[in-house]
C-alpha atoms as a PDB file:
ATOM      1  CA  MET A   1      98.655  93.724 125.240  1.00  0.00           C
ATOM      2  CA  GLU A   2      99.703  90.305 123.614  1.00  0.00           C
ATOM      3  CA  PRO A   3     103.883  89.966 123.069  1.00  0.00           C
ATOM      4  CA  LEU A   4     102.946  89.526 118.901  1.00  0.00           C
ATOM      5  CA  VAL A   5     100.989  92.613 118.903  1.00  0.00           C
ATOM      6  CA  ALA A   6     103.145  94.753 120.755  1.00  0.00           C
ATOM      7  CA  GLU A   7     105.916  93.448 118.882  1.00  0.00           C
ATOM      8  CA  LEU A   8     103.768  94.260 114.929  1.00  0.00           C
ATOM      9  CA  LYS A   9     103.062  97.606 116.827  1.00  0.00           C
ATOM     10  CA  LEU A  10     106.381  98.170 117.748  1.00  0.00           C
ATOM     11  CA  LYS A  11     107.893  97.384 113.806  1.00  0.00           C
ATOM     12  CA  ILE A  12     105.162  99.208 111.680  1.00  0.00           C
ATOM     13  CA  GLU A  13     105.731 102.468 114.550  1.00  0.00           C
ATOM     14  CA  ASP A  14     109.402 102.393 113.376  1.00  0.00           C
ATOM     15  CA  SER A  15     107.916 102.699 110.270  1.00  0.00           C
ATOM     16  CA  LEU A  16     105.485 105.257 110.497  1.00  0.00           C
ATOM     17  CA  CYS A  17     105.798 107.169 113.834  1.00  0.00           C
ATOM     18  CA  PRO A  18     108.479 109.529 112.600  1.00  0.00           C
ATOM     19  CA  PHE A  19     106.540 110.386 110.313  1.00  0.00           C
ATOM     20  CA  GLY A  20     103.688 111.998 112.113  1.00  0.00           C
ATOM     21  CA  PHE A  21     101.649 108.754 112.318  1.00  0.00           C
ATOM     22  CA  GLU A  22     100.322 106.602 114.668  1.00  0.00           C
ATOM     23  CA  VAL A  23      99.240 102.921 115.146  1.00  0.00           C
ATOM     24  CA  TYR A  24      96.566 101.469 117.238  1.00  0.00           C
ATOM     25  CA  PRO A  25      95.377  97.390 117.120  1.00  0.00           C
ATOM     26  CA  PHE A  26      92.237  96.225 117.073  1.00  0.00           C
ATOM     27  CA  GLN A  27      89.945  93.037 115.992  1.00  0.00           C
ATOM     28  CA  VAL A  28      87.990  92.906 113.253  1.00  0.00           C
ATOM     29  CA  ALA A  29      85.059  91.427 115.177  1.00  0.00           C
ATOM     30  CA  TRP A  30      85.590  94.799 117.291  1.00  0.00           C
ATOM     31  CA  TYR A  31      84.276  96.905 114.067  1.00  0.00           C
ATOM     32  CA  ASN A  32      82.143  94.347 112.144  1.00  0.00           C
ATOM     33  CA  GLU A  33      79.783  94.340 115.380  1.00  0.00           C
ATOM     34  CA  LEU A  34      79.154  97.918 115.004  1.00  0.00           C
ATOM     35  CA  VAL A  35      78.918  98.871 111.469  1.00  0.00           C
ATOM     36  CA  PRO A  36      75.583  97.083 109.033  1.00  0.00           C
ATOM     37  CA  PRO A  37      76.558  93.787 107.295  1.00  0.00           C
ATOM     38  CA  ALA A  38      76.928  95.719 104.170  1.00  0.00           C
ATOM     39  CA  PHE A  39      80.105  97.084 105.556  1.00  0.00           C
ATOM     40  CA  HIS A  40      81.660  94.189 107.087  1.00  0.00           C
ATOM     41  CA  LEU A  41      85.503  93.443 106.860  1.00  0.00           C
ATOM     42  CA  PRO A  42      85.304  89.703 105.253  1.00  0.00           C
ATOM     43  CA  PHE A  43      87.741  88.026 107.824  1.00  0.00           C
ATOM     44  CA  PRO A  44      87.409  86.393 110.766  1.00  0.00           C
ATOM     45  CA  GLY A  45      86.573  88.324 114.069  1.00  0.00           C
ATOM     46  CA  PRO A  46      89.901  87.314 115.815  1.00  0.00           C
ATOM     47  CA  THR A  47      91.953  89.050 112.400  1.00  0.00           C
ATOM     48  CA  LEU A  48      94.265  91.555 113.688  1.00  0.00           C
ATOM     49  CA  ALA A  49      94.402  95.392 112.431  1.00  0.00           C
ATOM     50  CA  PHE A  50      95.684  98.233 112.755  1.00  0.00           C
ATOM     51  CA  LEU A  51      93.942 102.206 112.707  1.00  0.00           C
ATOM     52  CA  VAL A  52      96.815 104.537 111.159  1.00  0.00           C
ATOM     53  CA  LEU A  53      95.867 108.085 111.451  1.00  0.00           C
ATOM     54  CA  SER A  54      98.264 111.265 111.313  1.00  0.00           C
ATOM     55  CA  THR A  55      99.167 113.989 113.691  1.00  0.00           C
ATOM     56  CA  PRO A  56      99.825 118.162 112.887  1.00  0.00           C
ATOM     57  CA  ALA A  57     103.255 116.565 112.443  1.00  0.00           C
ATOM     58  CA  MET A  58     102.467 114.391 109.391  1.00  0.00           C
ATOM     59  CA  PHE A  59     102.677 117.778 107.082  1.00  0.00           C
ATOM     60  CA  ASP A  60     105.988 118.616 107.753  1.00  0.00           C
ATOM     61  CA  LYS A  61     107.713 115.405 108.773  1.00  0.00           C
ATOM     62  CA  ALA A  62     106.011 113.276 105.104  1.00  0.00           C
ATOM     63  CA  LEU A  63     104.179 115.448 102.862  1.00  0.00           C
ATOM     64  CA  LYS A  64     107.169 118.017 102.371  1.00  0.00           C
ATOM     65  CA  PRO A  65     109.813 115.362 101.451  1.00  0.00           C
ATOM     66  CA  PHE A  66     107.264 113.507  99.768  1.00  0.00           C
ATOM     67  CA  LEU A  67     106.617 116.511  97.226  1.00  0.00           C
ATOM     68  CA  LYS A  68     110.514 117.002  97.217  1.00  0.00           C
ATOM     69  CA  SER A  69     110.544 113.613  95.213  1.00  0.00           C
ATOM     70  CA  TYR A  70     107.145 114.635  93.101  1.00  0.00           C
ATOM     71  CA  HIS A  71     108.914 113.967  89.851  1.00  0.00           C
ATOM     72  CA  LEU A  72     109.352 110.473  90.315  1.00  0.00           C
ATOM     73  CA  GLN A  73     105.378 110.038  89.961  1.00  0.00           C
ATOM     74  CA  PRO A  74     102.676 112.048  88.478  1.00  0.00           C
ATOM     75  CA  LEU A  75     100.686 114.047  91.307  1.00  0.00           C
ATOM     76  CA  ARG A  76      97.195 114.303  91.409  1.00  0.00           C
ATOM     77  CA  ASP A  77      96.327 114.213  95.214  1.00  0.00           C
ATOM     78  CA  PRO A  78      99.503 114.698  96.694  1.00  0.00           C
ATOM     79  CA  VAL A  79      98.557 114.221 100.649  1.00  0.00           C
ATOM     80  CA  ASP A  80      96.901 110.737  99.742  1.00  0.00           C
ATOM     81  CA  GLN A  81      99.489 109.784  97.694  1.00  0.00           C
ATOM     82  CA  CYS A  82     101.979 110.539 100.134  1.00  0.00           C
ATOM     83  CA  VAL A  83      99.733 108.415 102.790  1.00  0.00           C
ATOM     84  CA  SER A  84      99.651 105.675 100.456  1.00  0.00           C
ATOM     85  CA  TYR A  85     103.407 105.648  99.808  1.00  0.00           C
ATOM     86  CA  HIS A  86     104.312 105.408 103.600  1.00  0.00           C
ATOM     87  CA  LEU A  87     101.224 102.647 104.163  1.00  0.00           C
ATOM     88  CA  ARG A  88     102.954 100.739 101.565  1.00  0.00           C
ATOM     89  CA  SER A  89     106.305 100.665 102.673  1.00  0.00           C
ATOM     90  CA  VAL A  90     105.081  98.517 105.607  1.00  0.00           C
ATOM     91  CA  ALA A  91     103.038  96.588 103.608  1.00  0.00           C
ATOM     92  CA  GLU A  92     106.125  95.379 101.792  1.00  0.00           C
ATOM     93  CA  PHE A  93     107.519  94.070 104.800  1.00  0.00           C
ATOM     94  CA  PRO A  94     108.796  90.254 103.507  1.00  0.00           C
ATOM     95  CA  GLU A  95     107.277  88.285 107.126  1.00  0.00           C
ATOM     96  CA  LEU A  96     104.022  90.445 106.796  1.00  0.00           C
ATOM     97  CA  GLN A  97     101.054  89.373 104.257  1.00  0.00           C
ATOM     98  CA  MET A  98      99.082  92.845 105.161  1.00  0.00           C
ATOM     99  CA  LYS A  99      96.035  94.496 103.342  1.00  0.00           C
ATOM    100  CA  ILE A 100      95.618  98.093 103.531  1.00  0.00           C
ATOM    101  CA  ILE A 101      92.147 100.057 103.054  1.00  0.00           C
ATOM    102  CA  ALA A 102      92.781 103.787 103.005  1.00  0.00           C
ATOM    103  CA  ASP A 103      89.879 106.230 104.096  1.00  0.00           C
ATOM    104  CA  TYR A 104      88.860 107.297 101.235  1.00  0.00           C
ATOM    105  CA  GLU A 105      88.500 103.863  99.150  1.00  0.00           C
ATOM    106  CA  VAL A 106      85.370 102.940  97.830  1.00  0.00           C
ATOM    107  CA  HIS A 107      83.642 100.423  96.137  1.00  0.00           C
ATOM    108  CA  PRO A 108      82.187 100.780  92.779  1.00  0.00           C
ATOM    109  CA  ASN A 109      78.887 101.059  94.005  1.00  0.00           C
ATOM    110  CA  ARG A 110      80.696 104.025  96.044  1.00  0.00           C
ATOM    111  CA  ARG A 111      79.754 102.588  99.250  1.00  0.00           C
ATOM    112  CA  PRO A 112      83.138 103.429 101.562  1.00  0.00           C
ATOM    113  CA  LYS A 113      85.075 100.158 101.613  1.00  0.00           C
ATOM    114  CA  ILE A 114      86.131 101.237 105.761  1.00  0.00           C
ATOM    115  CA  LEU A 115      83.876 103.477 108.117  1.00  0.00           C
ATOM    116  CA  ALA A 116      86.912 105.377 109.359  1.00  0.00           C
ATOM    117  CA  GLN A 117      85.408 106.764 112.449  1.00  0.00           C
ATOM    118  CA  THR A 118      83.852 103.852 113.575  1.00  0.00           C
ATOM    119  CA  ALA A 119      87.230 101.813 113.151  1.00  0.00           C
ATOM    120  CA  ALA A 120      89.276 104.565 115.130  1.00  0.00           C
ATOM    121  CA  HIS A 121      86.292 104.244 117.763  1.00  0.00           C
ATOM    122  CA  VAL A 122      87.023 100.670 118.223  1.00  0.00           C
ATOM    123  CA  ALA A 123      90.943 101.026 118.025  1.00  0.00           C
ATOM    124  CA  GLY A 124      90.605 103.077 121.299  1.00  0.00           C
ATOM    125  CA  ALA A 125      92.180 105.940 119.090  1.00  0.00           C
ATOM    126  CA  ALA A 126      89.399 108.811 119.254  1.00  0.00           C
ATOM    127  CA  TYR A 127      85.805 109.003 120.434  1.00  0.00           C
ATOM    128  CA  TYR A 128      82.997 108.930 118.218  1.00  0.00           C
ATOM    129  CA  TYR A 129      80.966 111.709 119.087  1.00  0.00           C
ATOM    130  CA  GLN A 130      77.562 110.535 117.493  1.00  0.00           C
ATOM    131  CA  ARG A 131      73.954 112.146 117.342  1.00  0.00           C
ATOM    132  CA  HIS A 132      73.068 108.938 119.860  1.00  0.00           C
ATOM    133  CA  ASP A 133      75.706 110.314 122.889  1.00  0.00           C
ATOM    134  CA  VAL A 134      73.549 113.575 123.293  1.00  0.00           C
ATOM    135  CA  ASP A 135      70.314 112.860 125.462  1.00  0.00           C
ATOM    136  CA  ALA A 136      67.193 114.452 124.278  1.00  0.00           C
ATOM    137  CA  ASP A 137      69.054 115.848 121.501  1.00  0.00           C
ATOM    138  CA  PRO A 138      67.610 119.537 120.444  1.00  0.00           C
ATOM    139  CA  TRP A 139      67.959 118.752 116.782  1.00  0.00           C
ATOM    140  CA  GLY A 140      64.294 117.727 115.801  1.00  0.00           C
ATOM    141  CA  THR A 141      64.617 116.285 112.056  1.00  0.00           C
ATOM    142  CA  GLN A 142      68.296 118.001 111.010  1.00  0.00           C
ATOM    143  CA  HIS A 143      70.734 115.265 109.806  1.00  0.00           C
ATOM    144  CA  ILE A 144      73.368 115.401 112.245  1.00  0.00           C
ATOM    145  CA  ALA A 145      76.797 113.847 111.436  1.00  0.00           C
ATOM    146  CA  GLY A 146      79.295 112.445 113.963  1.00  0.00           C
ATOM    147  CA  VAL A 147      82.895 113.343 114.581  1.00  0.00           C
ATOM    148  CA  CYS A 148      85.960 111.889 116.062  1.00  0.00           C
ATOM    149  CA  ILE A 149      88.089 113.768 118.895  1.00  0.00           C
ATOM    150  CA  HIS A 150      91.424 112.558 119.549  1.00  0.00           C
ATOM    151  CA  PRO A 151      92.589 112.643 122.815  1.00  0.00           C
ATOM    152  CA  ARG A 152      95.821 114.863 122.645  1.00  0.00           C
ATOM    153  CA  PHE A 153      94.882 116.282 119.072  1.00  0.00           C
ATOM    154  CA  GLY A 154      90.923 117.465 119.569  1.00  0.00           C
ATOM    155  CA  GLY A 155      89.999 117.572 115.684  1.00  0.00           C
ATOM    156  CA  TRP A 156      93.665 118.393 114.434  1.00  0.00           C
ATOM    157  CA  PHE A 157      94.301 114.982 113.052  1.00  0.00           C
ATOM    158  CA  ALA A 158      93.116 112.231 110.109  1.00  0.00           C
ATOM    159  CA  ILE A 159      92.305 108.960 109.725  1.00  0.00           C
ATOM    160  CA  ARG A 160      93.785 107.730 107.349  1.00  0.00           C
ATOM    161  CA  GLY A 161      93.718 103.816 107.083  1.00  0.00           C
ATOM    162  CA  VAL A 162      93.092 100.608 108.124  1.00  0.00           C
ATOM    163  CA  MET A 163      96.336  97.460 108.082  1.00  0.00           C
ATOM    164  CA  LEU A 164      94.562  94.249 108.238  1.00  0.00           C
ATOM    165  CA  LEU A 165      96.733  90.696 108.951  1.00  0.00           C
ATOM    166  CA  PRO A 166      95.039  88.061 107.466  1.00  0.00           C
ATOM    167  CA  GLY A 167      95.898  84.937 109.461  1.00  0.00           C
ATOM    168  CA  ILE A 168      97.066  86.528 112.606  1.00  0.00           C
ATOM    169  CA  GLU A 169      94.508  85.749 115.146  1.00  0.00           C
ATOM    170  CA  VAL A 170      94.255  87.416 118.382  1.00  0.00           C
ATOM    171  CA  PRO A 171      91.300  86.631 120.328  1.00  0.00           C
ATOM    172  CA  ASN A 172      92.821  87.770 123.564  1.00  0.00           C
ATOM    173  CA  LEU A 173      93.574  91.684 122.625  1.00  0.00           C
ATOM    174  CA  PRO A 174      91.862  93.430 125.153  1.00  0.00           C
ATOM    175  CA  LEU A 175      89.088  96.086 124.148  1.00  0.00           C
ATOM    176  CA  ARG A 176      90.779  99.582 124.598  1.00  0.00           C
ATOM    177  CA  LYS A 177      88.000 101.972 124.747  1.00  0.00           C
ATOM    178  CA  PRO A 178      88.472 105.844 123.787  1.00  0.00           C
ATOM    179  CA  PRO A 179      89.231 108.002 126.157  1.00  0.00           C
ATOM    180  CA  ASP A 180      85.360 110.380 126.506  1.00  0.00           C
ATOM    181  CA  CYS A 181      87.228 113.691 126.180  1.00  0.00           C
ATOM    182  CA  VAL A 182      83.877 115.550 126.080  1.00  0.00           C
ATOM    183  CA  PRO A 183      81.640 114.136 128.736  1.00  0.00           C
ATOM    184  CA  THR A 184      78.987 116.430 129.147  1.00  0.00           C
ATOM    185  CA  ARG A 185      75.812 117.009 127.325  1.00  0.00           C
ATOM    186  CA  ALA A 186      76.219 120.856 126.357  1.00  0.00           C
ATOM    187  CA  GLY A 187      80.011 120.101 125.426  1.00  0.00           C
ATOM    188  CA  ARG A 188      78.963 117.407 123.004  1.00  0.00           C
ATOM    189  CA  ILE A 189      76.200 119.697 121.658  1.00  0.00           C
ATOM    190  CA  THR A 190      78.669 122.306 120.927  1.00  0.00           C
ATOM    191  CA  LEU A 191      81.124 119.977 119.290  1.00  0.00           C
ATOM    192  CA  LEU A 192      78.402 118.345 117.156  1.00  0.00           C
ATOM    193  CA  GLU A 193      76.951 121.803 115.982  1.00  0.00           C
ATOM    194  CA  GLY A 194      79.878 123.188 115.195  1.00  0.00           C
ATOM    195  CA  PHE A 195      81.144 120.548 113.161  1.00  0.00           C
ATOM    196  CA  ASN A 196      78.079 120.579 111.208  1.00  0.00           C
ATOM    197  CA  PHE A 197      77.294 123.907 111.154  1.00  0.00           C
ATOM    198  CA  HIS A 198      80.362 126.308 111.401  1.00  0.00           C
ATOM    199  CA  TRP A 199      82.942 123.575 109.888  1.00  0.00           C
ATOM    200  CA  ARG A 200      84.823 126.115 108.170  1.00  0.00           C
ATOM    201  CA  ASP A 201      85.825 128.411 111.624  1.00  0.00           C
ATOM    202  CA  TRP A 202      88.013 125.251 112.882  1.00  0.00           C
ATOM    203  CA  THR A 203      86.658 125.450 116.519  1.00  0.00           C
ATOM    204  CA  TYR A 204      85.261 122.363 116.766  1.00  0.00           C
ATOM    205  CA  ARG A 205      88.778 120.809 116.273  1.00  0.00           C
ATOM    206  CA  ASP A 206      89.346 122.846 119.605  1.00  0.00           C
ATOM    207  CA  ALA A 207      86.397 120.121 121.666  1.00  0.00           C
ATOM    208  CA  VAL A 208      89.904 119.362 123.768  1.00  0.00           C
ATOM    209  CA  THR A 209      92.427 121.577 124.441  1.00  0.00           C
ATOM    210  CA  PRO A 210      95.078 120.167 121.835  1.00  0.00           C
ATOM    211  CA  GLU A 211      98.638 119.414 121.828  1.00  0.00           C
ATOM    212  CA  GLU A 212      99.296 120.810 118.422  1.00  0.00           C
ATOM    213  CA  ARG A 213      97.064 122.007 116.130  1.00  0.00           C
ATOM    214  CA  TYR A 214      97.654 122.566 112.170  1.00  0.00           C
ATOM    215  CA  SER A 215     100.567 125.127 111.049  1.00  0.00           C
ATOM    216  CA  GLU A 216      99.120 128.221 109.120  1.00  0.00           C
ATOM    217  CA  GLU A 217     100.518 126.292 105.950  1.00  0.00           C
ATOM    218  CA  GLN A 218      97.902 123.384 106.786  1.00  0.00           C
ATOM    219  CA  LYS A 219      95.249 125.627 107.138  1.00  0.00           C
ATOM    220  CA  ILE A 220      95.721 127.081 103.787  1.00  0.00           C
ATOM    221  CA  TYR A 221      96.364 123.874 102.158  1.00  0.00           C
ATOM    222  CA  PHE A 222      93.320 121.947 103.308  1.00  0.00           C
ATOM    223  CA  SER A 223      91.195 125.519 102.474  1.00  0.00           C
ATOM    224  CA  THR A 224      91.721 125.315  99.057  1.00  0.00           C
ATOM    225  CA  PRO A 225      89.979 123.277  96.623  1.00  0.00           C
ATOM    226  CA  PRO A 226      91.415 119.784  95.867  1.00  0.00           C
ATOM    227  CA  ALA A 227      91.838 120.989  92.203  1.00  0.00           C
ATOM    228  CA  GLN A 228      93.815 124.039  93.059  1.00  0.00           C
ATOM    229  CA  ARG A 229      96.249 122.497  95.582  1.00  0.00           C
ATOM    230  CA  LEU A 230      99.014 121.392  93.078  1.00  0.00           C
ATOM    231  CA  ALA A 231      98.972 125.255  91.881  1.00  0.00           C
ATOM    232  CA  LEU A 232      98.947 126.260  95.821  1.00  0.00           C
ATOM    233  CA  LEU A 233     102.411 124.142  95.922  1.00  0.00           C
ATOM    234  CA  GLY A 234     103.722 125.881  92.994  1.00  0.00           C
ATOM    235  CA  LEU A 235     103.177 122.544  91.219  1.00  0.00           C
ATOM    236  CA  ALA A 236     100.576 122.729  88.283  1.00  0.00           C
ATOM    237  CA  GLN A 237      98.355 125.345  87.323  1.00  0.00           C
ATOM    238  CA  PRO A 238      94.870 125.689  88.759  1.00  0.00           C
ATOM    239  CA  SER A 239      92.182 123.656  87.099  1.00  0.00           C
ATOM    240  CA  GLU A 240      89.852 125.384  84.673  1.00  0.00           C
ATOM    241  CA  HIS A 241      87.021 123.981  86.542  1.00  0.00           C
ATOM    242  CA  PRO A 242      87.803 123.965  89.975  1.00  0.00           C
ATOM    243  CA  THR A 243      85.675 121.736  92.320  1.00  0.00           C
ATOM    244  CA  THR A 244      83.940 123.243  95.527  1.00  0.00           C
ATOM    245  CA  THR A 245      84.681 120.415  97.703  1.00  0.00           C
ATOM    246  CA  THR A 246      87.529 120.508 100.195  1.00  0.00           C
ATOM    247  CA  GLU A 247      89.093 117.583 101.904  1.00  0.00           C
ATOM    248  CA  HIS A 248      88.658 118.967 105.402  1.00  0.00           C
ATOM    249  CA  ALA A 249      86.390 121.443 106.241  1.00  0.00           C
ATOM    250  CA  SER A 250      87.361 125.342 106.109  1.00  0.00           C
ATOM    251  CA  SER A 251      87.107 128.093 104.332  1.00  0.00           C
ATOM    252  CA  THR A 252      88.364 128.259 100.577  1.00  0.00           C
ATOM    253  CA  LEU A 253      91.753 130.366  99.707  1.00  0.00           C
ATOM    254  CA  THR A 254      91.148 134.148  98.668  1.00  0.00           C
ATOM    255  CA  ASN A 255      94.679 135.250  98.406  1.00  0.00           C
ATOM    256  CA  PRO A 256      96.831 133.166  96.108  1.00  0.00           C
ATOM    257  CA  LEU A 257     100.443 132.559  97.991  1.00  0.00           C
ATOM    258  CA  SER A 258     103.398 134.476  96.491  1.00  0.00           C
ATOM    259  CA  PRO A 259     106.047 132.606  94.563  1.00  0.00           C
ATOM    260  CA  ILE A 260     108.309 132.875  97.416  1.00  0.00           C
ATOM    261  CA  ARG A 261     105.786 131.239  99.889  1.00  0.00           C
ATOM    262  CA  GLU A 262     104.866 128.082  97.715  1.00  0.00           C
ATOM    263  CA  ARG A 263     108.604 127.550  97.232  1.00  0.00           C
ATOM    264  CA  SER A 264     108.448 127.456 101.270  1.00  0.00           C
ATOM    265  CA  TRP A 265     106.114 124.448 101.136  1.00  0.00           C
ATOM    266  CA  LEU A 266     109.111 122.443  99.859  1.00  0.00           C
ATOM    267  CA  SER A 267     111.451 122.983 102.645  1.00  0.00           C
ATOM    268  CA  PRO A 268     110.501 121.696 105.331  1.00  0.00           C
ATOM    269  CA  SER A 269     110.256 123.933 109.356  1.00  0.00           C
ATOM    270  CA  VAL A 270     111.213 120.607 111.093  1.00  0.00           C
ATOM    271  CA  SER A 271     113.805 118.472 109.768  1.00  0.00           C
ATOM    272  CA  PRO A 272     112.416 115.391 109.339  1.00  0.00           C
ATOM    273  CA  PRO A 273     114.156 111.685 109.387  1.00  0.00           C
ATOM    274  CA  ALA A 274     115.292 110.795 106.074  1.00  0.00           C
ATOM    275  CA  SER A 275     112.709 109.777 103.443  1.00  0.00           C
ATOM    276  CA  PRO A 276     113.797 107.945 100.476  1.00  0.00           C
ATOM    277  CA  GLY A 277     111.584 108.677  97.133  1.00  0.00           C
ATOM    278  CA  PRO A 278     108.375 107.252  96.191  1.00  0.00           C
END
């Protein structure tokens, strides 16, 4: 890795990794070569970028401390706001001119600003398994969505966004291919069918044996419709018209947490490094 890239990567990691994030460098050209022109990032090909993902540890190390200081700003989507806070903390380094694109950002026409799974693949962070990765696939005319698998966490992670550094070009950055951790046709069929047809049972995330999975708290949180999550945390009342869409594939919560359990969300089970309020 080029010395400048290694230096910047270490600087960003020092800010993000203690809170359960991982960082991977890539060139804009690698991403643009794989996506349609409408999704191209408008920067020269050698421009340096970093892919940021969250591991299962992010829930305790970043989200819970963030929730303790939620009173400093209105909460809408706690996870997105928590991630945004930590990414902004890096963008505020005075020596860096950085543009951040979160995974959920869209243009006015609702087109995503970044195809996050493609970015994760070209950065070498997680292999993006798609239908074309299965020889003579069995699905006929069915639509089959692709899914990224992390070599250490399987499907128990989330892509959070990219950090672009306009003006910093790294034409000699070596391409790092993502580990192909589901190499067999049968394994890929099982993975893609699990993700597309049985995502509520979480099992597709175990396509590889993970070092760590989401805690039961995380499963409950991400299983809960977004409009009800603040109530789950004991921070707000459920919406009168809750949405049925979930941020992470799973079944919806059927039994509300007890008041004692609700309060536990604000007390991390793992003591994280000190996190200043947002």
